[in-house]
C-alpha atoms as a PDB file:
ATOM      1  CA  MET A   1     107.493  43.166  94.578  1.00  0.00           C
ATOM      2  CA  ASN A   2     106.040  41.989  91.281  1.00  0.00           C
ATOM      3  CA  LEU A   3     107.708  42.527  87.926  1.00  0.00           C
ATOM      4  CA  SER A   4     105.406  45.329  86.780  1.00  0.00           C
ATOM      5  CA  THR A   5     106.116  47.454  89.863  1.00  0.00           C
ATOM      6  CA  ARG A   6     109.862  46.827  89.581  1.00  0.00           C
ATOM      7  CA  ALA A   7     109.843  47.704  85.882  1.00  0.00           C
ATOM      8  CA  LEU A   8     107.768  50.853  86.432  1.00  0.00           C
ATOM      9  CA  HIS A   9     110.054  51.984  89.236  1.00  0.00           C
ATOM     10  CA  ARG A  10     113.090  51.485  87.000  1.00  0.00           C
ATOM     11  CA  VAL A  11     111.554  53.344  84.044  1.00  0.00           C
ATOM     12  CA  VAL A  12     110.523  56.327  86.182  1.00  0.00           C
ATOM     13  CA  GLY A  13     113.982  56.406  87.761  1.00  0.00           C
ATOM     14  CA  LEU A  14     115.675  56.434  84.364  1.00  0.00           C
ATOM     15  CA  ILE A  15     113.402  59.214  83.112  1.00  0.00           C
ATOM     16  CA  LEU A  16     114.349  61.323  86.134  1.00  0.00           C
ATOM     17  CA  VAL A  17     118.123  60.827  85.791  1.00  0.00           C
ATOM     18  CA  LEU A  18     118.728  64.033  83.794  1.00  0.00           C
ATOM     19  CA  PRO A  19     116.320  66.249  85.788  1.00  0.00           C
ATOM     20  CA  MET A  20     117.775  64.943  89.071  1.00  0.00           C
ATOM     21  CA  LEU A  21     121.328  65.660  87.946  1.00  0.00           C
ATOM     22  CA  GLY A  22     120.240  69.126  86.808  1.00  0.00           C
ATOM     23  CA  TRP A  23     118.412  69.834  90.070  1.00  0.00           C
ATOM     24  CA  SER A  24     121.354  68.666  92.159  1.00  0.00           C
ATOM     25  CA  ALA A  25     124.005  70.647  90.280  1.00  0.00           C
ATOM     26  CA  THR A  26     121.993  73.838  89.992  1.00  0.00           C
ATOM     27  CA  GLY A  27     120.772  73.476  93.583  1.00  0.00           C
ATOM     28  CA  LEU A  28     124.370  73.590  94.820  1.00  0.00           C
ATOM     29  CA  ILE A  29     125.014  76.706  92.765  1.00  0.00           C
ATOM     30  CA  PHE A  30     121.877  78.411  94.096  1.00  0.00           C
ATOM     31  CA  PHE A  31     122.888  77.464  97.657  1.00  0.00           C
ATOM     32  CA  PHE A  32     126.433  78.868  97.518  1.00  0.00           C
ATOM     33  CA  LYS A  33     125.589  81.664  95.008  1.00  0.00           C
ATOM     34  CA  PRO A  34     129.031  82.073  93.407  1.00  0.00           C
ATOM     35  CA  GLY A  35     129.314  85.273  91.382  1.00  0.00           C
ATOM     36  CA  TYR A  36     125.871  86.529  92.361  1.00  0.00           C
ATOM     37  CA  THR A  37     127.213  89.824  93.729  1.00  0.00           C
ATOM     38  CA  ASP A  38     128.498  90.991  90.354  1.00  0.00           C
ATOM     39  CA  ALA A  39     125.879  89.232  88.238  1.00  0.00           C
ATOM     40  CA  TYR A  40     122.987  90.990  89.963  1.00  0.00           C
ATOM     41  CA  ALA A  41     124.692  94.175  91.110  1.00  0.00           C
ATOM     42  CA  GLN A  42     122.462  97.240  91.203  1.00  0.00           C
ATOM     43  CA  LEU A  43     123.470 100.004  88.816  1.00  0.00           C
ATOM     44  CA  SER A  44     122.166 103.568  88.995  1.00  0.00           C
ATOM     45  CA  PRO A  45     122.933 106.824  87.201  1.00  0.00           C
ATOM     46  CA  ARG A  46     125.472 108.910  89.095  1.00  0.00           C
ATOM     47  CA  THR A  47     123.826 111.935  90.687  1.00  0.00           C
ATOM     48  CA  TYR A  48     125.284 115.290  91.650  1.00  0.00           C
ATOM     49  CA  PRO A  49     124.379 117.867  94.295  1.00  0.00           C
ATOM     50  CA  LEU A  50     121.433 120.068  93.395  1.00  0.00           C
ATOM     51  CA  GLU A  51     122.061 123.757  92.825  1.00  0.00           C
ATOM     52  CA  THR A  52     119.557 126.595  92.944  1.00  0.00           C
ATOM     53  CA  ILE A  53     116.885 125.976  90.346  1.00  0.00           C
ATOM     54  CA  ASP A  54     113.362 127.267  89.899  1.00  0.00           C
ATOM     55  CA  VAL A  55     110.846 124.449  89.633  1.00  0.00           C
ATOM     56  CA  PRO A  56     107.200 125.132  88.743  1.00  0.00           C
ATOM     57  CA  PRO A  57     104.647 123.989  91.328  1.00  0.00           C
ATOM     58  CA  PRO A  58     103.708 120.293  91.166  1.00  0.00           C
ATOM     59  CA  ARG A  59     100.614 119.199  89.340  1.00  0.00           C
ATOM     60  CA  GLN A  60      97.671 117.894  91.300  1.00  0.00           C
ATOM     61  CA  GLN A  61      97.647 114.464  89.637  1.00  0.00           C
ATOM     62  CA  TRP A  62     101.226 113.686  90.661  1.00  0.00           C
ATOM     63  CA  GLU A  63     101.578 111.069  93.388  1.00  0.00           C
ATOM     64  CA  ASP A  64     105.380 111.144  93.585  1.00  0.00           C
ATOM     65  CA  LEU A  65     108.028 113.652  92.545  1.00  0.00           C
ATOM     66  CA  ARG A  66     111.837 113.525  92.422  1.00  0.00           C
ATOM     67  CA  LEU A  67     114.357 116.078  91.248  1.00  0.00           C
ATOM     68  CA  LEU A  68     117.741 114.693  90.181  1.00  0.00           C
ATOM     69  CA  ARG A  69     120.868 116.013  88.578  1.00  0.00           C
ATOM     70  CA  THR A  70     123.071 113.799  86.412  1.00  0.00           C
ATOM     71  CA  VAL A  71     125.827 114.411  83.921  1.00  0.00           C
ATOM     72  CA  LEU A  72     123.044 115.249  81.452  1.00  0.00           C
ATOM     73  CA  GLY A  73     121.575 117.972  83.654  1.00  0.00           C
ATOM     74  CA  TYR A  74     118.382 118.151  85.689  1.00  0.00           C
ATOM     75  CA  HIS A  75     115.594 115.577  85.615  1.00  0.00           C
ATOM     76  CA  LEU A  76     112.146 115.893  87.139  1.00  0.00           C
ATOM     77  CA  LEU A  77     110.642 112.436  87.621  1.00  0.00           C
ATOM     78  CA  ALA A  78     106.928 112.470  88.338  1.00  0.00           C
ATOM     79  CA  ARG A  79     104.487 109.632  88.759  1.00  0.00           C
ATOM     80  CA  SER A  80     100.710 109.660  88.492  1.00  0.00           C
ATOM     81  CA  ALA A  81      97.979 107.100  88.008  1.00  0.00           C
ATOM     82  CA  GLU A  82      98.719 107.273  84.282  1.00  0.00           C
ATOM     83  CA  GLY A  83     102.366 106.277  84.763  1.00  0.00           C
ATOM     84  CA  PRO A  84     105.810 107.895  85.012  1.00  0.00           C
ATOM     85  CA  GLU A  85     106.811 111.212  83.434  1.00  0.00           C
ATOM     86  CA  HIS A  86     110.371 112.329  82.777  1.00  0.00           C
ATOM     87  CA  LEU A  87     110.339 116.116  82.502  1.00  0.00           C
ATOM     88  CA  ASP A  88     112.741 118.992  82.041  1.00  0.00           C
ATOM     89  CA  PRO A  89     112.207 121.063  85.223  1.00  0.00           C
ATOM     90  CA  ALA A  90     113.063 124.299  83.385  1.00  0.00           C
ATOM     91  CA  THR A  91     110.234 123.904  80.872  1.00  0.00           C
ATOM     92  CA  MET A  92     108.066 121.162  82.422  1.00  0.00           C
ATOM     93  CA  GLU A  93     108.089 119.482  79.020  1.00  0.00           C
ATOM     94  CA  PRO A  94     108.899 115.765  78.568  1.00  0.00           C
ATOM     95  CA  ARG A  95     112.604 115.067  78.131  1.00  0.00           C
ATOM     96  CA  ALA A  96     113.051 113.207  74.869  1.00  0.00           C
ATOM     97  CA  LEU A  97     115.190 110.097  74.689  1.00  0.00           C
ATOM     98  CA  PRO A  98     118.800 111.322  74.539  1.00  0.00           C
ATOM     99  CA  THR A  99     121.042 110.885  71.541  1.00  0.00           C
ATOM    100  CA  ALA A 100     123.365 107.888  71.381  1.00  0.00           C
ATOM    101  CA  GLN A 101     126.253 110.113  72.442  1.00  0.00           C
ATOM    102  CA  ALA A 102     124.352 111.445  75.458  1.00  0.00           C
ATOM    103  CA  MET A 103     123.158 107.938  76.368  1.00  0.00           C
ATOM    104  CA  ALA A 104     126.755 106.722  76.287  1.00  0.00           C
ATOM    105  CA  GLN A 105     127.797 109.667  78.456  1.00  0.00           C
ATOM    106  CA  LEU A 106     125.117 108.873  81.050  1.00  0.00           C
ATOM    107  CA  VAL A 107     126.061 105.193  81.254  1.00  0.00           C
ATOM    108  CA  ASP A 108     129.818 105.792  81.174  1.00  0.00           C
ATOM    109  CA  ASP A 109     129.446 108.156  84.120  1.00  0.00           C
ATOM    110  CA  ALA A 110     127.454 105.495  86.005  1.00  0.00           C
ATOM    111  CA  ILE A 111     130.041 102.730  85.473  1.00  0.00           C
ATOM    112  CA  ALA A 112     133.121 104.848  86.121  1.00  0.00           C
ATOM    113  CA  ALA A 113     133.615 103.374  89.605  1.00  0.00           C
ATOM    114  CA  ARG A 114     133.476  99.754  88.353  1.00  0.00           C
ATOM    115  CA  ARG A 115     135.719  99.673  85.314  1.00  0.00           C
ATOM    116  CA  GLU A 116     136.937  96.145  86.154  1.00  0.00           C
ATOM    117  CA  ARG A 117     133.441  94.814  85.475  1.00  0.00           C
ATOM    118  CA  TYR A 118     132.024  97.206  82.916  1.00  0.00           C
ATOM    119  CA  GLY A 119     135.022  98.576  81.053  1.00  0.00           C
ATOM    120  CA  THR A 120     133.935 101.340  78.700  1.00  0.00           C
ATOM    121  CA  VAL A 121     130.958 101.953  76.420  1.00  0.00           C
ATOM    122  CA  VAL A 122     131.464 100.524  72.934  1.00  0.00           C
ATOM    123  CA  LYS A 123     127.952 100.464  71.461  1.00  0.00           C
ATOM    124  CA  VAL A 124     124.590 102.172  71.888  1.00  0.00           C
ATOM    125  CA  ASP A 125     121.509 100.596  70.319  1.00  0.00           C
ATOM    126  CA  GLY A 126     118.407 102.519  71.332  1.00  0.00           C
ATOM    127  CA  THR A 127     118.140 102.090  75.083  1.00  0.00           C
ATOM    128  CA  VAL A 128     120.652  99.211  75.296  1.00  0.00           C
ATOM    129  CA  VAL A 129     124.309 100.074  75.887  1.00  0.00           C
ATOM    130  CA  THR A 130     127.039  97.460  75.445  1.00  0.00           C
ATOM    131  CA  THR A 131     130.389  97.754  77.201  1.00  0.00           C
ATOM    132  CA  SER A 132     133.852  96.482  76.318  1.00  0.00           C
ATOM    133  CA  THR A 133     133.466  93.585  78.801  1.00  0.00           C
ATOM    134  CA  GLY A 134     130.294  92.351  77.118  1.00  0.00           C
ATOM    135  CA  VAL A 135     127.890  93.674  79.745  1.00  0.00           C
ATOM    136  CA  GLU A 136     124.589  94.967  78.367  1.00  0.00           C
ATOM    137  CA  ILE A 137     123.069  97.914  80.239  1.00  0.00           C
ATOM    138  CA  GLY A 138     119.422  98.751  79.721  1.00  0.00           C
ATOM    139  CA  VAL A 139     118.262 102.343  80.212  1.00  0.00           C
ATOM    140  CA  ASP A 140     114.731 102.897  81.488  1.00  0.00           C
ATOM    141  CA  TRP A 141     114.507 106.546  80.482  1.00  0.00           C
ATOM    142  CA  ALA A 142     110.993 107.129  81.815  1.00  0.00           C
ATOM    143  CA  ASN A 143     112.122 106.232  85.337  1.00  0.00           C
ATOM    144  CA  LEU A 144     115.836 107.063  84.873  1.00  0.00           C
ATOM    145  CA  ARG A 145     116.916 103.601  85.958  1.00  0.00           C
ATOM    146  CA  LEU A 146     119.638 101.268  84.737  1.00  0.00           C
ATOM    147  CA  SER A 147     119.789  97.480  84.629  1.00  0.00           C
ATOM    148  CA  GLN A 148     122.835  95.392  83.787  1.00  0.00           C
ATOM    149  CA  GLN A 149     123.342  91.873  82.447  1.00  0.00           C
ATOM    150  CA  GLY A 150     126.699  90.240  81.817  1.00  0.00           C
ATOM    151  CA  ALA A 151     127.771  86.757  80.729  1.00  0.00           C
ATOM    152  CA  ASP A 152     127.594  85.654  84.380  1.00  0.00           C
ATOM    153  CA  THR A 153     124.012  86.925  84.673  1.00  0.00           C
ATOM    154  CA  ARG A 154     122.995  85.089  81.520  1.00  0.00           C
ATOM    155  CA  LEU A 155     124.650  81.874  82.749  1.00  0.00           C
ATOM    156  CA  ILE A 156     122.883  81.970  86.119  1.00  0.00           C
ATOM    157  CA  ASN A 157     119.571  82.704  84.388  1.00  0.00           C
ATOM    158  CA  ALA A 158     120.158  79.686  82.112  1.00  0.00           C
ATOM    159  CA  LEU A 159     120.855  77.500  85.161  1.00  0.00           C
ATOM    160  CA  TYR A 160     117.631  78.794  86.716  1.00  0.00           C
ATOM    161  CA  ARG A 161     115.715  77.679  83.616  1.00  0.00           C
ATOM    162  CA  ILE A 162     117.364  74.242  83.779  1.00  0.00           C
ATOM    163  CA  HIS A 163     116.531  73.885  87.471  1.00  0.00           C
ATOM    164  CA  TYR A 164     112.853  74.672  86.938  1.00  0.00           C
ATOM    165  CA  LEU A 165     112.545  72.600  83.748  1.00  0.00           C
ATOM    166  CA  GLN A 166     112.096  75.669  81.561  1.00  0.00           C
ATOM    167  CA  TRP A 167     113.718  73.862  78.662  1.00  0.00           C
ATOM    168  CA  SER A 168     111.750  75.391  75.787  1.00  0.00           C
ATOM    169  CA  GLY A 169     110.852  78.858  74.641  1.00  0.00           C
ATOM    170  CA  SER A 170     107.170  78.243  75.271  1.00  0.00           C
ATOM    171  CA  ASP A 171     105.580  79.012  78.639  1.00  0.00           C
ATOM    172  CA  GLY A 172     102.924  76.389  77.992  1.00  0.00           C
ATOM    173  CA  VAL A 173     105.464  73.651  77.255  1.00  0.00           C
ATOM    174  CA  ASN A 174     107.581  74.693  80.252  1.00  0.00           C
ATOM    175  CA  ARG A 175     104.515  74.459  82.501  1.00  0.00           C
ATOM    176  CA  ILE A 176     103.783  70.945  81.236  1.00  0.00           C
ATOM    177  CA  LEU A 177     107.407  69.901  81.817  1.00  0.00           C
ATOM    178  CA  GLY A 178     107.306  71.286  85.355  1.00  0.00           C
ATOM    179  CA  ILE A 179     104.069  69.501  86.234  1.00  0.00           C
ATOM    180  CA  ALA A 180     105.311  66.267  84.650  1.00  0.00           C
ATOM    181  CA  GLY A 181     108.563  66.488  86.636  1.00  0.00           C
ATOM    182  CA  LEU A 182     106.691  66.947  89.912  1.00  0.00           C
ATOM    183  CA  LEU A 183     104.341  64.058  89.130  1.00  0.00           C
ATOM    184  CA  LEU A 184     107.258  61.777  88.266  1.00  0.00           C
ATOM    185  CA  VAL A 185     109.044  62.648  91.517  1.00  0.00           C
ATOM    186  CA  ALA A 186     105.867  61.982  93.489  1.00  0.00           C
ATOM    187  CA  GLY A 187     105.315  58.740  91.591  1.00  0.00           C
ATOM    188  CA  LEU A 188     108.879  57.570  92.191  1.00  0.00           C
ATOM    189  CA  THR A 189     108.494  58.318  95.902  1.00  0.00           C
ATOM    190  CA  LEU A 190     105.242  56.368  96.146  1.00  0.00           C
ATOM    191  CA  LEU A 191     106.687  53.435  94.235  1.00  0.00           C
ATOM    192  CA  GLY A 192     109.713  53.414  96.520  1.00  0.00           C
ATOM    193  CA  LEU A 193     107.460  53.475  99.568  1.00  0.00           C
ATOM    194  CA  ARG A 194     105.449  50.604  98.131  1.00  0.00           C
ATOM    195  CA  VAL A 195     108.632  48.587  97.557  1.00  0.00           C
ATOM    196  CA  PHE A 196     109.751  49.284 101.124  1.00  0.00           C
ATOM    197  CA  LEU A 197     106.427  48.285 102.688  1.00  0.00           C
ATOM    198  CA  ARG A 198     106.272  45.069 100.648  1.00  0.00           C
ATOM    199  CA  GLY A 199     109.824  44.247 101.671  1.00  0.00           C
ATOM    200  CA  GLN A 200     108.924  44.780 105.306  1.00  0.00           C
ATOM    201  CA  GLY A 201     105.868  42.538 104.896  1.00  0.00           C
ATOM    202  CA  SER A 202     107.950  39.789 103.310  1.00  0.00           C
ATOM    203  CA  ARG A 203     110.444  39.832 106.201  1.00  0.00           C
ATOM    204  CA  ALA A 204     107.655  39.749 108.790  1.00  0.00           C
ATOM    205  CA  SER A 205     106.095  36.650 107.204  1.00  0.00           C
END
């Protein structure tokens, strides 16, 4: 092995020290998945049995239709090619975004069975509800869906970004880092193979 190959192999290896450590550590976490159950738990509004209610006939453009009852009353969720509609089944008019108090009531009812994780509602900012345990719950009012993100979720997402070399806030820069990392790994492998083959040739001679 000549000096230039040895030096290049060493430089590439040193450059890859931090990424390799990051890949190894985060890879173990992704393999065993500690805390994933709570971090990515599904959260839905609590629903109640439907009672007798008169619903106008469906519109022709609707492709899907659901009638639900929550602590806030009845919800008619329709979907067409133009997107989702959240209607009041009594009037067939769009249900406006609820007040902060009503939003808190909806979310508090949904998290009642998991107080150890969510605690209680302490803040409502538009469609984002924050609980006493620091979990942020997003409300998709058009589809009547909830999403939750706690400190554990944010930590795992940060580890994901480290693992895939998403080290900046720019998608373009992250893409360059990812490609560069793959090229360096491939280069280190080829250099190692070259060293091995030359060593084998030296022994044979």
